[in-house]
């Protein structure tokens, strides 16, 4: 099984919180076989479990959100954090998360979805929402909002927040921090922004510095992740809503030839078509289980040209129609 990882900031913040709250970080981290002083990436699932342990030890469900102002800085997210600060508009900043969220964690990816009134930044996990943990995602989501607030002195046009963490008895820390409607125990993670508020020019826009750090972000992704299959899978997930991506397009994004891409995938025991099918199957189940999209909408989100083609493929994969799967999920 692939080990998905996350940036060291989740480990570092967890260590600082434990020490601040009077707990021995070494003892807590050793329960999970983790060195609290290691500055490398760490297993994302283990990180999630450590954050849940912190909530239990402190008996404070909102501790992750409360900690963000103390323990998060833009540089903690590397080149991505700096590039976001240099963005021309909030929309451009959101698009950077869509392109480079693999830096934060390769367990999920972000998508920007827009309509006339609301633009949403949606986080989709690769292997189910339960794998990423409520407290650890609280910290990540709050960090993202704090970073966006640093781009301008104007209020952030944030309309809504969806979190997977359970609704605490006291929601005030969340409402005070996000300053908008917050939905708890959601089956997805997302931010909703007023569309007309994300197009204004940001005062600290620096196109050259942004481009430089975008380049560093791409280089970082290529260096830390040695699995080409995972990189290809990530790019497929990003591109599917626009139609079925080709090996040629993915190869171009990964700065290699199509021939080299196919050869390296074979060396990992994979091929492009198989990876694309894997992604489509995983996303299809996730979207249908949420019951927030029609079957036709899910068909387009996973790269099919029409609903009938999607329904045929889904039936071949799972032995039932998409509608039947939705009904089955609702009854559970």
Protein backbone atom coordinates (compact mmCIF):
# COMPACT_ATOMS: atom_id res chain seq x y z
CA UNK A 1 0.00 0.00 0.00
CA UNK A 2 1.26 3.50 -0.88
CA UNK A 3 2.31 5.62 2.10
CA UNK A 4 0.86 9.08 1.69
CA UNK A 5 2.77 11.90 3.34
CA UNK A 6 2.29 15.42 4.61
CA UNK A 7 4.57 18.38 5.31
CA UNK A 8 6.55 18.61 8.55
CA UNK A 9 4.49 21.60 9.75
CA UNK A 10 1.77 19.21 10.99
CA UNK A 11 4.35 17.36 13.10
CA UNK A 12 6.02 20.54 14.33
CA UNK A 13 2.76 22.23 15.33
CA UNK A 14 1.62 19.07 17.11
CA UNK A 15 4.88 18.99 19.07
CA UNK A 16 4.59 22.65 20.06
CA UNK A 17 0.99 22.22 21.18
CA UNK A 18 1.83 19.20 23.33
CA UNK A 19 4.71 21.03 24.98
CA UNK A 20 2.60 24.15 25.52
CA UNK A 21 -0.15 22.06 27.12
CA UNK A 22 2.29 20.37 29.49
CA UNK A 23 2.61 16.97 27.79
CA UNK A 24 5.81 15.13 26.86
CA UNK A 25 5.85 15.23 23.06
CA UNK A 26 8.45 12.47 22.85
CA UNK A 27 6.21 10.10 24.81
CA UNK A 28 3.13 10.87 22.74
CA UNK A 29 4.92 10.65 19.40
CA UNK A 30 6.63 7.39 20.39
CA UNK A 31 3.19 5.79 20.70
CA UNK A 32 3.01 6.14 16.92
CA UNK A 33 6.65 5.34 16.16
CA UNK A 34 7.45 8.92 15.16
CA UNK A 35 10.39 11.16 16.07
CA UNK A 36 8.97 14.58 17.03
CA UNK A 37 12.24 16.28 16.04
CA UNK A 38 12.35 14.88 12.51
CA UNK A 39 11.89 17.68 9.96
CA UNK A 40 11.04 15.49 6.98
CA UNK A 41 7.64 14.60 5.59
CA UNK A 42 5.60 12.14 7.64
CA UNK A 43 2.93 9.52 7.07
CA UNK A 44 -0.33 11.47 6.65
CA UNK A 45 -2.44 8.84 8.39
CA UNK A 46 -0.10 8.76 11.39
CA UNK A 47 -0.19 12.55 11.50
CA UNK A 48 -3.99 12.43 11.62
CA UNK A 49 -3.88 9.96 14.51
CA UNK A 50 -1.45 12.14 16.47
CA UNK A 51 -3.73 15.14 16.10
CA UNK A 52 -6.71 13.12 17.29
CA UNK A 53 -4.61 12.06 20.28
CA UNK A 54 -3.93 15.73 21.07
CA UNK A 55 -7.66 16.46 21.06
CA UNK A 56 -8.24 13.56 23.46
CA UNK A 57 -5.39 14.54 25.80
CA UNK A 58 -6.39 18.20 25.99
CA UNK A 59 -10.14 17.57 25.86
CA UNK A 60 -10.29 20.51 23.44
CA UNK A 61 -11.92 19.75 20.06
CA UNK A 62 -11.03 23.19 18.68
CA UNK A 63 -7.36 23.14 19.66
CA UNK A 64 -6.15 22.78 16.06
CA UNK A 65 -7.95 25.93 14.93
CA UNK A 66 -6.88 27.84 18.04
CA UNK A 67 -3.23 26.90 17.39
CA UNK A 68 -2.99 28.24 13.85
CA UNK A 69 -2.28 31.87 14.74
CA UNK A 70 0.61 30.74 16.96
CA UNK A 71 2.18 27.98 14.93
CA UNK A 72 1.65 28.69 11.24
CA UNK A 73 3.82 30.84 8.96
CA UNK A 74 3.70 31.00 5.12
CA UNK A 75 7.21 29.56 4.81
CA UNK A 76 5.98 26.40 6.56
CA UNK A 77 4.29 25.54 3.26
CA UNK A 78 7.48 26.12 1.34
CA UNK A 79 7.42 27.68 -2.11
CA UNK A 80 3.65 27.26 -2.31
CA UNK A 81 3.13 29.50 0.72
CA UNK A 82 5.28 32.28 -0.76
CA UNK A 83 3.71 31.99 -4.22
CA UNK A 84 0.23 32.33 -2.73
CA UNK A 85 1.28 35.58 -1.04
CA UNK A 86 2.50 36.89 -4.42
CA UNK A 87 -0.69 36.02 -6.32
CA UNK A 88 -2.42 38.60 -8.51
CA UNK A 89 -5.92 37.76 -7.23
CA UNK A 90 -7.52 35.42 -4.74
CA UNK A 91 -8.69 33.29 -7.67
CA UNK A 92 -5.08 32.88 -8.76
CA UNK A 93 -4.15 31.96 -5.19
CA UNK A 94 -6.87 29.29 -5.10
CA UNK A 95 -5.66 27.93 -8.43
CA UNK A 96 -2.18 27.52 -6.95
CA UNK A 97 -3.64 25.23 -4.31
CA UNK A 98 -5.32 23.29 -7.10
CA UNK A 99 -2.02 22.88 -8.96
CA UNK A 100 0.41 22.33 -6.10
CA UNK A 101 -1.55 20.91 -3.16
CA UNK A 102 0.52 17.74 -3.53
CA UNK A 103 3.17 19.66 -1.60
CA UNK A 104 0.93 19.84 1.46
CA UNK A 105 -0.20 16.22 1.29
CA UNK A 106 -0.45 13.61 -1.44
CA UNK A 107 -3.44 12.05 0.31
CA UNK A 108 -5.85 14.53 -1.31
CA UNK A 109 -6.12 17.21 -3.97
CA UNK A 110 -7.90 20.53 -4.33
CA UNK A 111 -10.32 21.59 -7.06
CA UNK A 112 -11.65 25.07 -7.81
CA UNK A 113 -15.33 25.02 -8.80
CA UNK A 114 -17.05 28.25 -9.83
CA UNK A 115 -20.48 29.56 -10.66
CA UNK A 116 -21.88 33.07 -10.87
CA UNK A 117 -22.21 33.59 -7.13
CA UNK A 118 -19.89 31.17 -5.33
CA UNK A 119 -16.42 29.80 -6.03
CA UNK A 120 -15.53 26.74 -3.99
CA UNK A 121 -12.17 25.25 -3.14
CA UNK A 122 -12.93 21.56 -2.56
CA UNK A 123 -10.53 19.01 -1.09
CA UNK A 124 -11.00 15.46 -2.36
CA UNK A 125 -9.19 12.62 -0.55
CA UNK A 126 -7.59 9.83 -2.55
CA UNK A 127 -8.76 7.10 -0.20
CA UNK A 128 -11.85 8.27 1.63
CA UNK A 129 -12.53 11.13 4.00
CA UNK A 130 -11.84 9.07 7.15
CA UNK A 131 -8.16 8.66 6.28
CA UNK A 132 -7.30 12.35 6.68
CA UNK A 133 -8.63 13.01 10.19
CA UNK A 134 -10.73 15.83 11.61
CA UNK A 135 -8.23 17.68 13.81
CA UNK A 136 -5.36 17.56 11.33
CA UNK A 137 -7.59 18.92 8.56
CA UNK A 138 -8.91 21.60 10.93
CA UNK A 139 -5.32 22.78 11.28
CA UNK A 140 -4.72 22.65 7.54
CA UNK A 141 -7.95 24.40 6.58
CA UNK A 142 -7.45 27.15 9.16
CA UNK A 143 -3.84 27.59 8.01
CA UNK A 144 -5.03 28.03 4.43
CA UNK A 145 -7.48 30.76 5.45
CA UNK A 146 -4.84 32.51 7.56
CA UNK A 147 -2.49 32.49 4.56
CA UNK A 148 -5.14 33.95 2.26
CA UNK A 149 -5.88 36.68 4.80
CA UNK A 150 -2.23 37.69 4.64
CA UNK A 151 -2.59 38.60 0.96
CA UNK A 152 -4.68 41.71 1.63
CA UNK A 153 -5.86 44.02 4.40
CA UNK A 154 -9.41 43.71 3.08
CA UNK A 155 -11.75 41.13 4.65
CA UNK A 156 -11.61 37.74 2.99
CA UNK A 157 -14.80 37.13 0.91
CA UNK A 158 -15.38 33.83 2.69
CA UNK A 159 -18.99 32.65 2.61
CA UNK A 160 -18.91 29.13 4.06
CA UNK A 161 -16.67 26.38 5.39
CA UNK A 162 -17.26 22.63 5.44
CA UNK A 163 -15.24 20.53 7.89
CA UNK A 164 -15.24 16.79 8.53
CA UNK A 165 -14.64 17.16 12.26
CA UNK A 166 -17.57 16.51 14.59
CA UNK A 167 -19.51 19.51 15.83
CA UNK A 168 -18.11 20.47 19.24
CA UNK A 169 -20.22 21.61 22.16
CA UNK A 170 -18.62 25.04 21.83
CA UNK A 171 -18.43 26.21 18.21
CA UNK A 172 -17.34 29.76 19.08
CA UNK A 173 -13.60 29.24 18.36
CA UNK A 174 -14.48 28.06 14.85
CA UNK A 175 -16.99 30.83 14.18
CA UNK A 176 -14.61 33.46 15.55
CA UNK A 177 -11.76 32.24 13.37
CA UNK A 178 -13.56 31.66 10.07
CA UNK A 179 -16.10 34.47 10.56
CA UNK A 180 -18.69 32.74 8.36
CA UNK A 181 -21.07 29.81 8.34
CA UNK A 182 -19.29 26.59 9.39
CA UNK A 183 -20.72 23.15 8.69
CA UNK A 184 -19.39 20.29 10.81
CA UNK A 185 -19.40 16.51 10.23
CA UNK A 186 -19.52 17.13 6.49
CA UNK A 187 -18.62 14.43 3.99
CA UNK A 188 -16.22 16.80 2.27
CA UNK A 189 -13.84 19.67 2.98
CA UNK A 190 -14.48 22.94 1.22
CA UNK A 191 -14.43 26.71 1.31
CA UNK A 192 -17.05 28.83 -0.42
CA UNK A 193 -16.04 32.33 -1.56
CA UNK A 194 -18.17 35.10 -3.02
CA UNK A 195 -17.13 34.93 -6.69
CA UNK A 196 -17.21 38.69 -7.20
CA UNK A 197 -14.81 39.10 -4.28
CA UNK A 198 -11.95 36.93 -5.55
CA UNK A 199 -11.20 38.81 -8.79
CA UNK A 200 -9.86 42.06 -7.29
CA UNK A 201 -6.14 42.77 -7.65
CA UNK A 202 -4.12 42.00 -4.54
CA UNK A 203 -1.74 44.72 -3.28
CA UNK A 204 1.34 42.51 -2.87
CA UNK A 205 1.20 40.89 -6.32
CA UNK A 206 4.69 40.04 -7.60
CA UNK A 207 4.51 38.04 -10.87
CA UNK A 208 8.24 37.31 -11.07
CA UNK A 209 8.49 36.06 -7.50
CA UNK A 210 5.29 34.05 -7.92
CA UNK A 211 6.60 32.41 -11.11
CA UNK A 212 9.92 31.62 -9.41
CA UNK A 213 8.22 29.89 -6.49
CA UNK A 214 5.84 28.05 -8.82
CA UNK A 215 8.95 26.61 -10.46
CA UNK A 216 10.31 25.62 -7.05
CA UNK A 217 6.98 23.98 -6.22
CA UNK A 218 7.13 21.87 -9.38
CA UNK A 219 10.71 20.87 -8.64
CA UNK A 220 9.85 19.95 -5.05
CA UNK A 221 7.01 17.70 -6.15
CA UNK A 222 9.29 15.91 -8.60
CA UNK A 223 11.99 15.42 -5.96
CA UNK A 224 10.04 14.23 -2.93
CA UNK A 225 7.74 11.84 -4.73
CA UNK A 226 9.62 9.02 -6.43
CA UNK A 227 6.45 7.20 -7.50
CA UNK A 228 5.60 8.24 -11.03
CA UNK A 229 2.31 6.36 -10.75
CA UNK A 230 1.20 8.61 -7.91
CA UNK A 231 2.22 11.75 -9.80
CA UNK A 232 0.29 10.62 -12.86
CA UNK A 233 -2.70 9.72 -10.71
CA UNK A 234 -2.64 13.15 -9.11
CA UNK A 235 -2.56 14.93 -12.48
CA UNK A 236 -5.39 12.76 -13.80
CA UNK A 237 -7.51 13.71 -10.78
CA UNK A 238 -6.90 17.40 -11.47
CA UNK A 239 -7.73 17.21 -15.16
CA UNK A 240 -10.69 14.80 -15.29
CA UNK A 241 -13.41 17.46 -14.87
CA UNK A 242 -12.23 18.93 -18.17
CA UNK A 243 -12.45 15.61 -20.00
CA UNK A 244 -10.35 12.48 -20.26
CA UNK A 245 -6.66 13.53 -20.15
CA UNK A 246 -4.22 11.96 -22.58
CA UNK A 247 -0.81 10.47 -21.80
CA UNK A 248 0.67 13.21 -23.97
CA UNK A 249 -0.84 15.95 -21.83
CA UNK A 250 0.24 14.31 -18.57
CA UNK A 251 3.76 13.78 -19.91
CA UNK A 252 3.98 17.46 -20.81
CA UNK A 253 2.89 18.47 -17.30
CA UNK A 254 5.53 16.15 -15.82
CA UNK A 255 8.21 17.46 -18.18
CA UNK A 256 8.96 14.15 -19.86
CA UNK A 257 8.22 12.45 -23.17
CA UNK A 258 5.18 10.22 -23.61
CA UNK A 259 7.49 7.32 -24.37
CA UNK A 260 9.44 7.88 -21.14
CA UNK A 261 6.19 8.19 -19.18
CA UNK A 262 4.85 4.88 -20.46
CA UNK A 263 8.18 3.11 -19.94
CA UNK A 264 8.53 4.27 -16.33
CA UNK A 265 4.93 3.33 -15.56
CA UNK A 266 5.61 -0.18 -16.88
CA UNK A 267 8.64 -0.38 -14.58
CA UNK A 268 6.27 0.32 -11.67
CA UNK A 269 3.89 -2.36 -12.91
CA UNK A 270 1.29 0.13 -14.09
CA UNK A 271 0.00 1.72 -17.28
CA UNK A 272 -1.80 4.97 -18.02
CA UNK A 273 -5.19 3.45 -18.80
CA UNK A 274 -5.16 1.43 -15.58
CA UNK A 275 -4.31 4.51 -13.50
CA UNK A 276 -7.04 6.54 -15.15
CA UNK A 277 -9.56 3.79 -14.44
CA UNK A 278 -8.44 3.63 -10.80
CA UNK A 279 -8.95 7.37 -10.38
CA UNK A 280 -12.34 7.29 -12.07
CA UNK A 281 -13.52 4.42 -9.89
CA UNK A 282 -12.35 6.05 -6.66
CA UNK A 283 -13.81 9.46 -7.48
CA UNK A 284 -17.08 7.99 -8.77
CA UNK A 285 -17.71 6.17 -5.50
CA UNK A 286 -16.78 9.23 -3.48
CA UNK A 287 -19.01 11.65 -5.43
CA UNK A 288 -21.99 9.28 -5.51
CA UNK A 289 -21.67 8.47 -1.82
CA UNK A 290 -21.90 12.17 -0.97
CA UNK A 291 -25.18 12.39 -2.90
CA UNK A 292 -24.51 16.04 -3.73
CA UNK A 293 -24.33 15.65 -7.52
CA UNK A 294 -26.61 14.12 -10.10
CA UNK A 295 -25.34 11.08 -12.00
CA UNK A 296 -24.86 13.30 -15.03
CA UNK A 297 -22.74 15.75 -13.04
CA UNK A 298 -20.61 12.91 -11.65
CA UNK A 299 -20.12 11.62 -15.20
CA UNK A 300 -18.60 14.95 -16.24
CA UNK A 301 -16.55 15.27 -13.03
CA UNK A 302 -14.81 11.96 -13.75
CA UNK A 303 -14.15 12.77 -17.39
CA UNK A 304 -16.96 11.07 -19.32
CA UNK A 305 -18.57 12.84 -22.27
CA UNK A 306 -22.09 11.74 -21.31
CA UNK A 307 -24.10 9.97 -18.64
CA UNK A 308 -24.75 6.80 -20.63
CA UNK A 309 -21.03 6.13 -21.16
CA UNK A 310 -20.40 6.66 -17.46
CA UNK A 311 -23.28 4.40 -16.43
CA UNK A 312 -22.01 1.59 -18.66
CA UNK A 313 -18.50 1.89 -17.25
CA UNK A 314 -19.74 2.05 -13.65
CA UNK A 315 -21.87 -1.06 -14.14
CA UNK A 316 -18.86 -2.91 -15.53
CA UNK A 317 -16.73 -1.84 -12.57
CA UNK A 318 -19.15 -2.48 -9.73
CA UNK A 319 -21.97 -4.64 -11.07
CA UNK A 320 -24.67 -2.04 -10.46
CA UNK A 321 -25.81 1.27 -11.89
CA UNK A 322 -24.71 4.61 -10.39
CA UNK A 323 -28.30 5.26 -9.27
CA UNK A 324 -28.47 1.90 -7.51
CA UNK A 325 -25.20 2.65 -5.72
CA UNK A 326 -26.54 6.02 -4.55
CA UNK A 327 -29.67 4.35 -3.20
CA UNK A 328 -27.59 1.69 -1.47
CA UNK A 329 -25.39 4.36 0.15
CA UNK A 330 -28.41 6.32 1.38
CA UNK A 331 -29.87 3.23 3.07
CA UNK A 332 -26.75 2.58 5.12
